[in-house]
Amino acid sequence: MDIKNLTSNKGNILDGVFIIKPKILKDDRGFFYESWNQKLFNNIVGEEVNFHQDNHSSSNIGVLRGLHYQIEPKPQGKLVRCVSGSIFDVAVDIRKSSPTFGQWTSVVLDNVKKLMIWIPVGFAHGFLSLEANSEVLYKASELWSKEQDRSIRWNDEGIDIDWPLKDIGYSEPRLSDKDSKAPFLKNADVFN
């Protein structure tokens, strides 16, 4: 597996956010790759992470999910991959004490390159589906908790994410009611 730190929209390294590229074995029969290995993953992120929940979503083109996270005492880290279609995946640093607070990074995840992104605790996560029926799988380091579940508005001008909506023929994303009413970062519950 190859790993790479990601930089923010302002060129700073976002501490703890990694792109993971698995070794893919291909031949005329198809492909094989190890999509999960606890020991390798813990070595990559430099800590022992235990996953408690796997999630699977399907989104049509133009659907934007996020920016989601959970606060203490049940914060979630997420290991995200796209197994069908493609998504524009985003992580936003929401740790007030971080020098990169409010900065974001992105990567296109798809079923061809099979990249994964590790989004640690202290980051909000969201994605835009770039194709019909994009399927996303992610492992979460904590169970979902309604009481700790939080969102930040997708179009917060203070964060200023450059969502590629025009590239897919949309001026506005397709949102859930919850995401369309999410607070802006300045009014959100964040990490210290």
N, C-alpha and C. Protein backbone atom coordinates (compact mmCIF):
# COMPACT_ATOMS: atom_id res chain seq x y z
N MET A 1 0.84 -1.19 0.00
CA MET A 1 0.00 0.00 0.00
C MET A 1 0.88 1.24 0.00
N ASP A 2 0.48 2.20 -0.79
CA ASP A 2 1.13 3.49 -0.78
C ASP A 2 0.26 4.46 0.01
N ILE A 3 0.89 5.39 0.72
CA ILE A 3 0.13 6.40 1.46
C ILE A 3 0.67 7.78 1.12
N LYS A 4 -0.20 8.77 1.27
CA LYS A 4 0.20 10.14 0.99
C LYS A 4 -0.58 11.06 1.91
N ASN A 5 0.12 12.01 2.54
CA ASN A 5 -0.56 13.06 3.30
C ASN A 5 -1.25 13.98 2.31
N LEU A 6 -2.36 14.55 2.73
CA LEU A 6 -3.06 15.50 1.87
C LEU A 6 -2.81 16.92 2.35
N THR A 7 -2.77 17.82 1.40
CA THR A 7 -2.62 19.23 1.73
C THR A 7 -3.97 19.92 1.60
N SER A 8 -4.11 21.01 2.32
CA SER A 8 -5.38 21.75 2.33
C SER A 8 -5.47 22.65 1.11
N ASN A 9 -6.62 23.30 0.98
CA ASN A 9 -6.84 24.25 -0.09
C ASN A 9 -5.86 25.43 -0.03
N LYS A 10 -5.18 25.61 1.11
CA LYS A 10 -4.19 26.69 1.24
C LYS A 10 -2.77 26.16 1.21
N GLY A 11 -2.60 24.90 0.87
CA GLY A 11 -1.27 24.32 0.70
C GLY A 11 -0.63 23.75 1.94
N ASN A 12 -1.35 23.75 3.06
CA ASN A 12 -0.81 23.20 4.30
C ASN A 12 -1.15 21.71 4.43
N ILE A 13 -0.27 20.95 5.02
CA ILE A 13 -0.55 19.54 5.26
C ILE A 13 -1.61 19.44 6.35
N LEU A 14 -2.65 18.67 6.08
CA LEU A 14 -3.69 18.42 7.08
C LEU A 14 -3.26 17.21 7.89
N ASP A 15 -2.86 17.48 9.12
CA ASP A 15 -2.33 16.45 10.00
C ASP A 15 -3.31 15.31 10.21
N GLY A 16 -2.91 14.11 9.80
CA GLY A 16 -3.71 12.92 10.05
C GLY A 16 -4.58 12.46 8.90
N VAL A 17 -4.76 13.28 7.86
CA VAL A 17 -5.57 12.89 6.71
C VAL A 17 -4.66 12.23 5.68
N PHE A 18 -5.01 11.01 5.27
CA PHE A 18 -4.18 10.25 4.35
C PHE A 18 -4.99 9.70 3.18
N ILE A 19 -4.34 9.63 2.02
CA ILE A 19 -4.85 8.87 0.89
C ILE A 19 -4.11 7.54 0.92
N ILE A 20 -4.85 6.48 0.79
CA ILE A 20 -4.27 5.14 0.80
C ILE A 20 -4.53 4.50 -0.55
N LYS A 21 -3.46 4.06 -1.20
CA LYS A 21 -3.56 3.42 -2.51
C LYS A 21 -3.20 1.94 -2.34
N PRO A 22 -4.19 1.05 -2.49
CA PRO A 22 -3.90 -0.37 -2.31
C PRO A 22 -3.13 -0.94 -3.50
N LYS A 23 -2.42 -2.02 -3.25
CA LYS A 23 -1.74 -2.74 -4.33
C LYS A 23 -2.79 -3.62 -5.01
N ILE A 24 -3.01 -3.37 -6.29
CA ILE A 24 -4.04 -4.09 -7.04
C ILE A 24 -3.37 -5.10 -7.96
N LEU A 25 -3.78 -6.35 -7.86
CA LEU A 25 -3.27 -7.40 -8.72
C LEU A 25 -4.29 -7.63 -9.83
N LYS A 26 -3.87 -7.44 -11.09
CA LYS A 26 -4.78 -7.57 -12.23
C LYS A 26 -4.24 -8.61 -13.20
N ASP A 27 -5.16 -9.34 -13.81
CA ASP A 27 -4.83 -10.22 -14.93
C ASP A 27 -6.08 -10.37 -15.79
N ASP A 28 -6.06 -11.29 -16.74
CA ASP A 28 -7.19 -11.42 -17.66
C ASP A 28 -8.47 -11.92 -16.98
N ARG A 29 -8.39 -12.37 -15.74
CA ARG A 29 -9.57 -12.80 -14.99
C ARG A 29 -10.26 -11.65 -14.28
N GLY A 30 -9.52 -10.58 -14.03
CA GLY A 30 -10.06 -9.45 -13.28
C GLY A 30 -9.02 -8.86 -12.35
N PHE A 31 -9.40 -8.57 -11.11
CA PHE A 31 -8.45 -7.98 -10.16
C PHE A 31 -8.69 -8.54 -8.76
N PHE A 32 -7.69 -8.31 -7.91
CA PHE A 32 -7.77 -8.64 -6.49
C PHE A 32 -6.98 -7.59 -5.74
N TYR A 33 -7.51 -7.14 -4.61
CA TYR A 33 -6.73 -6.30 -3.70
C TYR A 33 -7.24 -6.47 -2.28
N GLU A 34 -6.35 -6.24 -1.35
CA GLU A 34 -6.69 -6.29 0.06
C GLU A 34 -7.25 -4.92 0.44
N SER A 35 -8.56 -4.86 0.68
CA SER A 35 -9.19 -3.57 0.98
C SER A 35 -9.12 -3.20 2.45
N TRP A 36 -8.80 -4.17 3.29
CA TRP A 36 -8.71 -3.87 4.71
C TRP A 36 -7.71 -4.80 5.38
N ASN A 37 -6.80 -4.21 6.16
CA ASN A 37 -5.83 -4.95 6.94
C ASN A 37 -5.57 -4.12 8.20
N GLN A 38 -6.02 -4.59 9.34
CA GLN A 38 -5.94 -3.83 10.59
C GLN A 38 -4.51 -3.41 10.92
N LYS A 39 -3.57 -4.36 10.84
CA LYS A 39 -2.18 -4.07 11.21
C LYS A 39 -1.57 -3.01 10.28
N LEU A 40 -1.75 -3.18 8.97
CA LEU A 40 -1.22 -2.19 8.02
C LEU A 40 -1.83 -0.81 8.24
N PHE A 41 -3.15 -0.78 8.44
CA PHE A 41 -3.82 0.49 8.64
C PHE A 41 -3.31 1.21 9.88
N ASN A 42 -3.19 0.50 10.99
CA ASN A 42 -2.69 1.12 12.22
C ASN A 42 -1.27 1.65 12.04
N ASN A 43 -0.44 0.94 11.27
CA ASN A 43 0.91 1.43 10.97
C ASN A 43 0.86 2.70 10.15
N ILE A 44 -0.06 2.78 9.19
CA ILE A 44 -0.19 3.95 8.33
C ILE A 44 -0.58 5.18 9.14
N VAL A 45 -1.61 5.06 9.98
CA VAL A 45 -2.11 6.23 10.70
C VAL A 45 -1.37 6.50 12.00
N GLY A 46 -0.52 5.55 12.43
CA GLY A 46 0.31 5.77 13.60
C GLY A 46 -0.41 5.63 14.93
N GLU A 47 -1.54 4.97 14.93
CA GLU A 47 -2.28 4.72 16.17
C GLU A 47 -3.16 3.49 15.96
N GLU A 48 -3.66 2.95 17.05
CA GLU A 48 -4.56 1.82 16.94
C GLU A 48 -5.99 2.33 16.82
N VAL A 49 -6.59 2.06 15.67
CA VAL A 49 -7.97 2.46 15.41
C VAL A 49 -8.82 1.20 15.34
N ASN A 50 -9.89 1.19 16.10
CA ASN A 50 -10.82 0.06 16.05
C ASN A 50 -12.11 0.55 15.42
N PHE A 51 -12.54 -0.15 14.39
CA PHE A 51 -13.78 0.22 13.71
C PHE A 51 -14.95 -0.51 14.33
N HIS A 52 -16.09 0.22 14.44
CA HIS A 52 -17.28 -0.32 15.08
C HIS A 52 -18.47 -0.41 14.14
N GLN A 53 -18.37 0.21 12.97
CA GLN A 53 -19.53 0.25 12.09
C GLN A 53 -19.05 0.39 10.65
N ASP A 54 -19.71 -0.32 9.73
CA ASP A 54 -19.50 -0.15 8.30
C ASP A 54 -20.77 0.45 7.71
N ASN A 55 -20.61 1.43 6.81
CA ASN A 55 -21.75 2.07 6.16
C ASN A 55 -21.61 1.94 4.65
N HIS A 56 -22.75 1.88 3.96
CA HIS A 56 -22.77 1.74 2.51
C HIS A 56 -23.88 2.65 2.00
N SER A 57 -23.53 3.57 1.08
CA SER A 57 -24.55 4.46 0.52
C SER A 57 -24.48 4.42 -1.00
N SER A 58 -25.59 4.75 -1.63
CA SER A 58 -25.66 4.91 -3.07
C SER A 58 -26.22 6.30 -3.32
N SER A 59 -25.60 7.04 -4.23
CA SER A 59 -26.03 8.41 -4.51
C SER A 59 -26.10 8.65 -6.01
N ASN A 60 -27.15 9.33 -6.43
CA ASN A 60 -27.26 9.70 -7.84
C ASN A 60 -26.40 10.91 -8.12
N ILE A 61 -26.17 11.19 -9.39
CA ILE A 61 -25.33 12.32 -9.79
C ILE A 61 -25.90 13.61 -9.19
N GLY A 62 -25.02 14.45 -8.70
CA GLY A 62 -25.41 15.74 -8.13
C GLY A 62 -25.82 15.71 -6.68
N VAL A 63 -25.87 14.52 -6.07
CA VAL A 63 -26.20 14.42 -4.65
C VAL A 63 -24.96 14.79 -3.84
N LEU A 64 -25.15 15.68 -2.88
CA LEU A 64 -24.07 16.08 -1.98
C LEU A 64 -24.48 15.65 -0.57
N ARG A 65 -23.62 14.89 0.07
CA ARG A 65 -23.85 14.44 1.43
C ARG A 65 -22.79 15.08 2.34
N GLY A 66 -23.24 15.80 3.33
CA GLY A 66 -22.28 16.39 4.26
C GLY A 66 -22.51 17.87 4.42
N LEU A 67 -21.68 18.38 5.20
CA LEU A 67 -20.45 17.95 5.86
C LEU A 67 -20.80 17.38 7.23
N HIS A 68 -20.52 16.11 7.45
CA HIS A 68 -20.96 15.40 8.65
C HIS A 68 -19.79 15.06 9.58
N TYR A 69 -20.11 14.95 10.87
CA TYR A 69 -19.15 14.52 11.89
C TYR A 69 -19.90 14.24 13.17
N GLN A 70 -19.21 13.66 14.14
CA GLN A 70 -19.77 13.46 15.46
C GLN A 70 -18.85 14.08 16.50
N ILE A 71 -19.47 14.70 17.52
CA ILE A 71 -18.70 15.34 18.59
C ILE A 71 -18.48 14.35 19.73
N GLU A 72 -17.65 14.76 20.70
CA GLU A 72 -17.43 13.98 21.92
C GLU A 72 -18.76 13.75 22.63
N PRO A 73 -18.98 12.64 23.25
CA PRO A 73 -18.00 11.62 23.58
C PRO A 73 -17.92 10.48 22.56
N LYS A 74 -18.53 10.64 21.39
CA LYS A 74 -18.52 9.56 20.39
C LYS A 74 -18.07 10.07 19.03
N PRO A 75 -16.89 10.67 18.95
CA PRO A 75 -16.41 11.16 17.66
C PRO A 75 -16.05 10.00 16.73
N GLN A 76 -16.17 10.24 15.44
CA GLN A 76 -15.89 9.20 14.45
C GLN A 76 -14.73 9.59 13.54
N GLY A 77 -13.84 8.63 13.32
CA GLY A 77 -12.91 8.68 12.21
C GLY A 77 -13.51 7.80 11.13
N LYS A 78 -13.21 8.10 9.85
CA LYS A 78 -13.82 7.35 8.75
C LYS A 78 -12.77 6.97 7.71
N LEU A 79 -12.83 5.73 7.28
CA LEU A 79 -12.03 5.24 6.16
C LEU A 79 -13.00 5.05 5.00
N VAL A 80 -12.86 5.88 3.96
CA VAL A 80 -13.86 5.99 2.89
C VAL A 80 -13.30 5.50 1.56
N ARG A 81 -14.14 4.75 0.82
CA ARG A 81 -13.79 4.35 -0.54
C ARG A 81 -15.05 4.30 -1.39
N CYS A 82 -14.89 4.43 -2.68
CA CYS A 82 -15.99 4.40 -3.64
C CYS A 82 -15.85 3.13 -4.46
N VAL A 83 -16.86 2.27 -4.44
CA VAL A 83 -16.77 0.98 -5.13
C VAL A 83 -17.53 0.95 -6.45
N SER A 84 -18.30 1.99 -6.74
CA SER A 84 -19.01 2.10 -8.00
C SER A 84 -19.21 3.57 -8.30
N GLY A 85 -18.93 3.98 -9.54
CA GLY A 85 -19.05 5.39 -9.90
C GLY A 85 -17.88 6.20 -9.39
N SER A 86 -18.15 7.47 -9.07
CA SER A 86 -17.07 8.33 -8.56
C SER A 86 -17.66 9.45 -7.72
N ILE A 87 -16.84 9.91 -6.77
CA ILE A 87 -17.25 11.00 -5.88
C ILE A 87 -16.10 11.99 -5.71
N PHE A 88 -16.46 13.22 -5.42
CA PHE A 88 -15.53 14.27 -5.00
C PHE A 88 -15.63 14.29 -3.49
N ASP A 89 -14.61 13.76 -2.81
CA ASP A 89 -14.65 13.56 -1.37
C ASP A 89 -13.88 14.69 -0.66
N VAL A 90 -14.43 15.19 0.44
CA VAL A 90 -13.88 16.37 1.12
C VAL A 90 -13.72 16.11 2.62
N ALA A 91 -12.61 16.57 3.17
CA ALA A 91 -12.38 16.58 4.62
C ALA A 91 -12.09 18.03 5.03
N VAL A 92 -12.74 18.48 6.11
CA VAL A 92 -12.55 19.85 6.62
C VAL A 92 -12.06 19.76 8.06
N ASP A 93 -10.95 20.44 8.35
CA ASP A 93 -10.39 20.48 9.70
C ASP A 93 -11.29 21.35 10.58
N ILE A 94 -11.87 20.75 11.61
CA ILE A 94 -12.75 21.52 12.53
C ILE A 94 -12.22 21.45 13.96
N ARG A 95 -10.87 21.42 14.09
CA ARG A 95 -10.22 21.45 15.39
C ARG A 95 -9.77 22.89 15.64
N LYS A 96 -10.42 23.59 16.57
CA LYS A 96 -10.13 25.02 16.81
C LYS A 96 -8.66 25.30 17.09
N SER A 97 -7.99 24.38 17.77
CA SER A 97 -6.59 24.60 18.13
C SER A 97 -5.63 24.29 16.98
N SER A 98 -6.12 23.79 15.87
CA SER A 98 -5.27 23.41 14.75
C SER A 98 -4.89 24.62 13.90
N PRO A 99 -3.64 24.67 13.42
CA PRO A 99 -3.25 25.77 12.53
C PRO A 99 -3.97 25.70 11.18
N THR A 100 -4.63 24.57 10.88
CA THR A 100 -5.36 24.44 9.61
C THR A 100 -6.88 24.43 9.84
N PHE A 101 -7.33 24.97 10.96
CA PHE A 101 -8.77 25.03 11.26
C PHE A 101 -9.51 25.71 10.12
N GLY A 102 -10.60 25.07 9.67
CA GLY A 102 -11.43 25.63 8.60
C GLY A 102 -10.91 25.37 7.20
N GLN A 103 -9.74 24.75 7.08
CA GLN A 103 -9.20 24.43 5.76
C GLN A 103 -9.69 23.05 5.33
N TRP A 104 -9.71 22.84 4.03
CA TRP A 104 -10.25 21.59 3.49
C TRP A 104 -9.30 20.99 2.46
N THR A 105 -9.53 19.70 2.21
CA THR A 105 -8.82 18.99 1.16
C THR A 105 -9.82 18.11 0.44
N SER A 106 -9.45 17.67 -0.76
CA SER A 106 -10.37 16.82 -1.52
C SER A 106 -9.60 15.81 -2.35
N VAL A 107 -10.31 14.77 -2.74
CA VAL A 107 -9.77 13.75 -3.63
C VAL A 107 -10.95 13.14 -4.37
N VAL A 108 -10.73 12.76 -5.61
CA VAL A 108 -11.75 12.01 -6.34
C VAL A 108 -11.52 10.54 -6.04
N LEU A 109 -12.55 9.90 -5.52
CA LEU A 109 -12.52 8.47 -5.26
C LEU A 109 -13.41 7.79 -6.30
N ASP A 110 -12.93 6.69 -6.86
CA ASP A 110 -13.72 5.99 -7.86
C ASP A 110 -13.46 4.49 -7.82
N ASN A 111 -14.17 3.76 -8.67
CA ASN A 111 -14.03 2.31 -8.71
C ASN A 111 -12.89 1.87 -9.61
N VAL A 112 -12.17 2.81 -10.22
CA VAL A 112 -11.05 2.46 -11.10
C VAL A 112 -9.73 2.48 -10.32
N LYS A 113 -9.41 3.61 -9.71
CA LYS A 113 -8.15 3.72 -8.96
C LYS A 113 -8.22 3.06 -7.59
N LYS A 114 -9.42 2.96 -7.04
CA LYS A 114 -9.66 2.29 -5.75
C LYS A 114 -8.91 2.93 -4.57
N LEU A 115 -8.71 4.25 -4.66
CA LEU A 115 -8.09 4.97 -3.55
C LEU A 115 -9.04 5.01 -2.36
N MET A 116 -8.47 5.17 -1.17
CA MET A 116 -9.24 5.35 0.05
C MET A 116 -8.72 6.61 0.75
N ILE A 117 -9.57 7.24 1.52
CA ILE A 117 -9.15 8.39 2.32
C ILE A 117 -9.47 8.10 3.78
N TRP A 118 -8.48 8.38 4.63
CA TRP A 118 -8.67 8.29 6.08
C TRP A 118 -8.96 9.69 6.59
N ILE A 119 -10.12 9.85 7.19
CA ILE A 119 -10.54 11.13 7.76
C ILE A 119 -10.61 10.93 9.27
N PRO A 120 -9.62 11.45 10.01
CA PRO A 120 -9.58 11.19 11.45
C PRO A 120 -10.59 12.03 12.23
N VAL A 121 -10.72 11.70 13.50
CA VAL A 121 -11.54 12.50 14.42
C VAL A 121 -11.06 13.94 14.34
N GLY A 122 -12.00 14.87 14.38
CA GLY A 122 -11.67 16.30 14.32
C GLY A 122 -11.87 16.89 12.94
N PHE A 123 -12.39 16.09 12.02
CA PHE A 123 -12.65 16.56 10.66
C PHE A 123 -14.11 16.29 10.29
N ALA A 124 -14.69 17.21 9.54
CA ALA A 124 -16.01 17.00 8.95
C ALA A 124 -15.80 16.36 7.58
N HIS A 125 -16.77 15.57 7.15
CA HIS A 125 -16.65 14.84 5.89
C HIS A 125 -17.89 15.05 5.02
N GLY A 126 -17.65 15.17 3.74
CA GLY A 126 -18.75 15.25 2.79
C GLY A 126 -18.29 14.79 1.42
N PHE A 127 -19.26 14.51 0.56
CA PHE A 127 -18.90 14.16 -0.82
C PHE A 127 -20.01 14.52 -1.78
N LEU A 128 -19.61 14.75 -3.03
CA LEU A 128 -20.51 15.03 -4.15
C LEU A 128 -20.41 13.86 -5.11
N SER A 129 -21.56 13.27 -5.45
CA SER A 129 -21.57 12.18 -6.41
C SER A 129 -21.40 12.74 -7.82
N LEU A 130 -20.38 12.25 -8.52
CA LEU A 130 -20.07 12.73 -9.87
C LEU A 130 -20.71 11.88 -10.96
N GLU A 131 -21.31 10.75 -10.56
CA GLU A 131 -21.95 9.85 -11.52
C GLU A 131 -23.22 9.28 -10.90
N ALA A 132 -24.08 8.73 -11.76
CA ALA A 132 -25.27 8.05 -11.26
C ALA A 132 -24.86 6.80 -10.49
N ASN A 133 -25.57 6.53 -9.43
CA ASN A 133 -25.38 5.31 -8.64
C ASN A 133 -23.95 5.13 -8.12
N SER A 134 -23.37 6.18 -7.61
CA SER A 134 -22.05 6.07 -6.98
C SER A 134 -22.24 5.43 -5.61
N GLU A 135 -21.53 4.33 -5.38
CA GLU A 135 -21.64 3.62 -4.11
C GLU A 135 -20.40 3.85 -3.27
N VAL A 136 -20.62 4.24 -2.03
CA VAL A 136 -19.55 4.57 -1.10
C VAL A 136 -19.64 3.63 0.09
N LEU A 137 -18.48 3.06 0.46
CA LEU A 137 -18.36 2.24 1.66
C LEU A 137 -17.43 2.96 2.61
N TYR A 138 -17.81 3.01 3.88
CA TYR A 138 -16.84 3.55 4.83
C TYR A 138 -16.97 2.87 6.18
N LYS A 139 -15.79 2.74 6.78
CA LYS A 139 -15.67 2.19 8.12
C LYS A 139 -15.65 3.36 9.10
N ALA A 140 -16.37 3.23 10.19
CA ALA A 140 -16.43 4.30 11.19
C ALA A 140 -15.86 3.79 12.51
N SER A 141 -15.06 4.63 13.16
CA SER A 141 -14.39 4.23 14.40
C SER A 141 -15.28 4.33 15.63
N GLU A 142 -16.52 4.73 15.44
CA GLU A 142 -17.49 4.80 16.54
C GLU A 142 -18.87 4.57 15.94
N LEU A 143 -19.78 4.05 16.74
CA LEU A 143 -21.15 3.86 16.29
C LEU A 143 -21.83 5.20 16.08
N TRP A 144 -22.80 5.24 15.15
CA TRP A 144 -23.55 6.46 14.92
C TRP A 144 -24.34 6.80 16.18
N SER A 145 -24.38 8.08 16.52
CA SER A 145 -25.10 8.55 17.69
C SER A 145 -25.91 9.78 17.31
N LYS A 146 -27.20 9.67 17.41
CA LYS A 146 -28.09 10.80 17.09
C LYS A 146 -27.74 12.03 17.92
N GLU A 147 -27.39 11.83 19.20
CA GLU A 147 -27.10 12.95 20.09
C GLU A 147 -25.80 13.67 19.71
N GLN A 148 -24.83 12.96 19.16
CA GLN A 148 -23.55 13.57 18.82
C GLN A 148 -23.43 13.93 17.33
N ASP A 149 -24.38 13.53 16.53
CA ASP A 149 -24.36 13.77 15.09
C ASP A 149 -24.46 15.27 14.79
N ARG A 150 -23.55 15.78 13.96
CA ARG A 150 -23.53 17.19 13.61
C ARG A 150 -23.25 17.37 12.12
N SER A 151 -23.59 18.56 11.61
CA SER A 151 -23.33 18.91 10.21
C SER A 151 -22.90 20.37 10.13
N ILE A 152 -22.20 20.66 9.06
CA ILE A 152 -21.83 22.03 8.71
C ILE A 152 -22.31 22.26 7.28
N ARG A 153 -22.76 23.47 6.99
CA ARG A 153 -23.32 23.81 5.68
C ARG A 153 -22.29 23.59 4.58
N TRP A 154 -22.71 22.93 3.54
CA TRP A 154 -21.84 22.56 2.41
C TRP A 154 -21.24 23.77 1.70
N ASN A 155 -21.97 24.89 1.71
CA ASN A 155 -21.51 26.08 0.98
C ASN A 155 -21.08 27.22 1.90
N ASP A 156 -20.56 26.87 3.06
CA ASP A 156 -20.07 27.86 4.02
C ASP A 156 -18.97 28.69 3.35
N GLU A 157 -19.20 30.00 3.25
CA GLU A 157 -18.22 30.88 2.59
C GLU A 157 -16.91 30.97 3.35
N GLY A 158 -16.94 30.72 4.66
CA GLY A 158 -15.71 30.73 5.45
C GLY A 158 -14.80 29.56 5.13
N ILE A 159 -15.38 28.47 4.66
CA ILE A 159 -14.60 27.30 4.26
C ILE A 159 -14.29 27.37 2.76
N ASP A 160 -15.29 27.75 1.97
CA ASP A 160 -15.17 28.00 0.53
C ASP A 160 -14.68 26.77 -0.26
N ILE A 161 -15.40 25.67 -0.12
CA ILE A 161 -15.06 24.46 -0.87
C ILE A 161 -15.42 24.66 -2.34
N ASP A 162 -14.50 24.27 -3.20
CA ASP A 162 -14.69 24.40 -4.65
C ASP A 162 -15.33 23.11 -5.19
N TRP A 163 -16.62 22.92 -4.90
CA TRP A 163 -17.34 21.73 -5.35
C TRP A 163 -17.43 21.76 -6.88
N PRO A 164 -17.15 20.67 -7.57
CA PRO A 164 -17.17 20.67 -9.04
C PRO A 164 -18.58 20.47 -9.63
N LEU A 165 -19.53 21.25 -9.16
CA LEU A 165 -20.92 21.12 -9.62
C LEU A 165 -21.07 21.40 -11.11
N LYS A 166 -20.43 22.46 -11.59
CA LYS A 166 -20.55 22.82 -13.01
C LYS A 166 -19.99 21.73 -13.91
N ASP A 167 -18.98 21.01 -13.43
CA ASP A 167 -18.38 19.93 -14.23
C ASP A 167 -19.38 18.81 -14.52
N ILE A 168 -20.39 18.68 -13.67
CA ILE A 168 -21.38 17.62 -13.89
C ILE A 168 -22.74 18.20 -14.31
N GLY A 169 -22.75 19.49 -14.66
CA GLY A 169 -23.96 20.11 -15.20
C GLY A 169 -24.96 20.58 -14.16
N TYR A 170 -24.51 20.87 -12.94
CA TYR A 170 -25.40 21.33 -11.88
C TYR A 170 -24.98 22.71 -11.39
N SER A 171 -25.97 23.52 -11.02
CA SER A 171 -25.65 24.79 -10.38
C SER A 171 -25.80 24.67 -8.87
N GLU A 172 -26.68 23.77 -8.43
CA GLU A 172 -26.90 23.50 -7.01
C GLU A 172 -26.92 21.98 -6.81
N PRO A 173 -26.44 21.51 -5.66
CA PRO A 173 -26.47 20.07 -5.41
C PRO A 173 -27.85 19.60 -4.96
N ARG A 174 -28.04 18.31 -4.98
CA ARG A 174 -29.23 17.69 -4.42
C ARG A 174 -28.89 17.35 -2.96
N LEU A 175 -29.65 17.92 -2.02
CA LEU A 175 -29.34 17.82 -0.59
C LEU A 175 -30.49 17.21 0.20
N SER A 176 -30.13 16.62 1.33
CA SER A 176 -31.16 16.22 2.30
C SER A 176 -31.64 17.48 3.00
N ASP A 177 -32.80 17.39 3.63
CA ASP A 177 -33.33 18.52 4.39
C ASP A 177 -32.34 18.91 5.50
N LYS A 178 -31.80 17.89 6.17
CA LYS A 178 -30.84 18.12 7.26
C LYS A 178 -29.63 18.91 6.76
N ASP A 179 -29.07 18.50 5.62
CA ASP A 179 -27.87 19.16 5.12
C ASP A 179 -28.15 20.57 4.61
N SER A 180 -29.34 20.80 4.07
CA SER A 180 -29.66 22.14 3.57
C SER A 180 -29.84 23.15 4.70
N LYS A 181 -30.11 22.65 5.92
CA LYS A 181 -30.33 23.54 7.07
C LYS A 181 -29.18 23.51 8.07
N ALA A 182 -28.09 22.87 7.73
CA ALA A 182 -26.95 22.76 8.65
C ALA A 182 -26.39 24.14 8.98
N PRO A 183 -25.84 24.31 10.19
CA PRO A 183 -25.25 25.60 10.56
C PRO A 183 -23.93 25.85 9.82
N PHE A 184 -23.52 27.10 9.81
CA PHE A 184 -22.20 27.45 9.27
C PHE A 184 -21.15 27.14 10.33
N LEU A 185 -19.91 27.03 9.92
CA LEU A 185 -18.82 26.66 10.82
C LEU A 185 -18.76 27.56 12.06
N LYS A 186 -18.95 28.86 11.88
CA LYS A 186 -18.84 29.78 13.02
C LYS A 186 -19.89 29.50 14.10
N ASN A 187 -20.98 28.81 13.76
CA ASN A 187 -22.03 28.49 14.73
C ASN A 187 -22.11 27.02 15.08
N ALA A 188 -21.17 26.23 14.57
CA ALA A 188 -21.20 24.78 14.76
C ALA A 188 -20.45 24.35 16.01
N ASP A 189 -20.85 23.21 16.56
CA ASP A 189 -20.09 22.56 17.62
C ASP A 189 -18.86 21.95 16.97
N VAL A 190 -17.68 22.32 17.44
CA VAL A 190 -16.44 21.80 16.85
C VAL A 190 -15.55 21.25 17.96
N PHE A 191 -14.38 20.77 17.57
CA PHE A 191 -13.41 20.23 18.51
C PHE A 191 -12.46 21.32 18.97
N ASN A 192 -11.91 21.21 20.20
CA ASN A 192 -10.96 22.20 20.70
C ASN A 192 -9.60 22.06 20.06
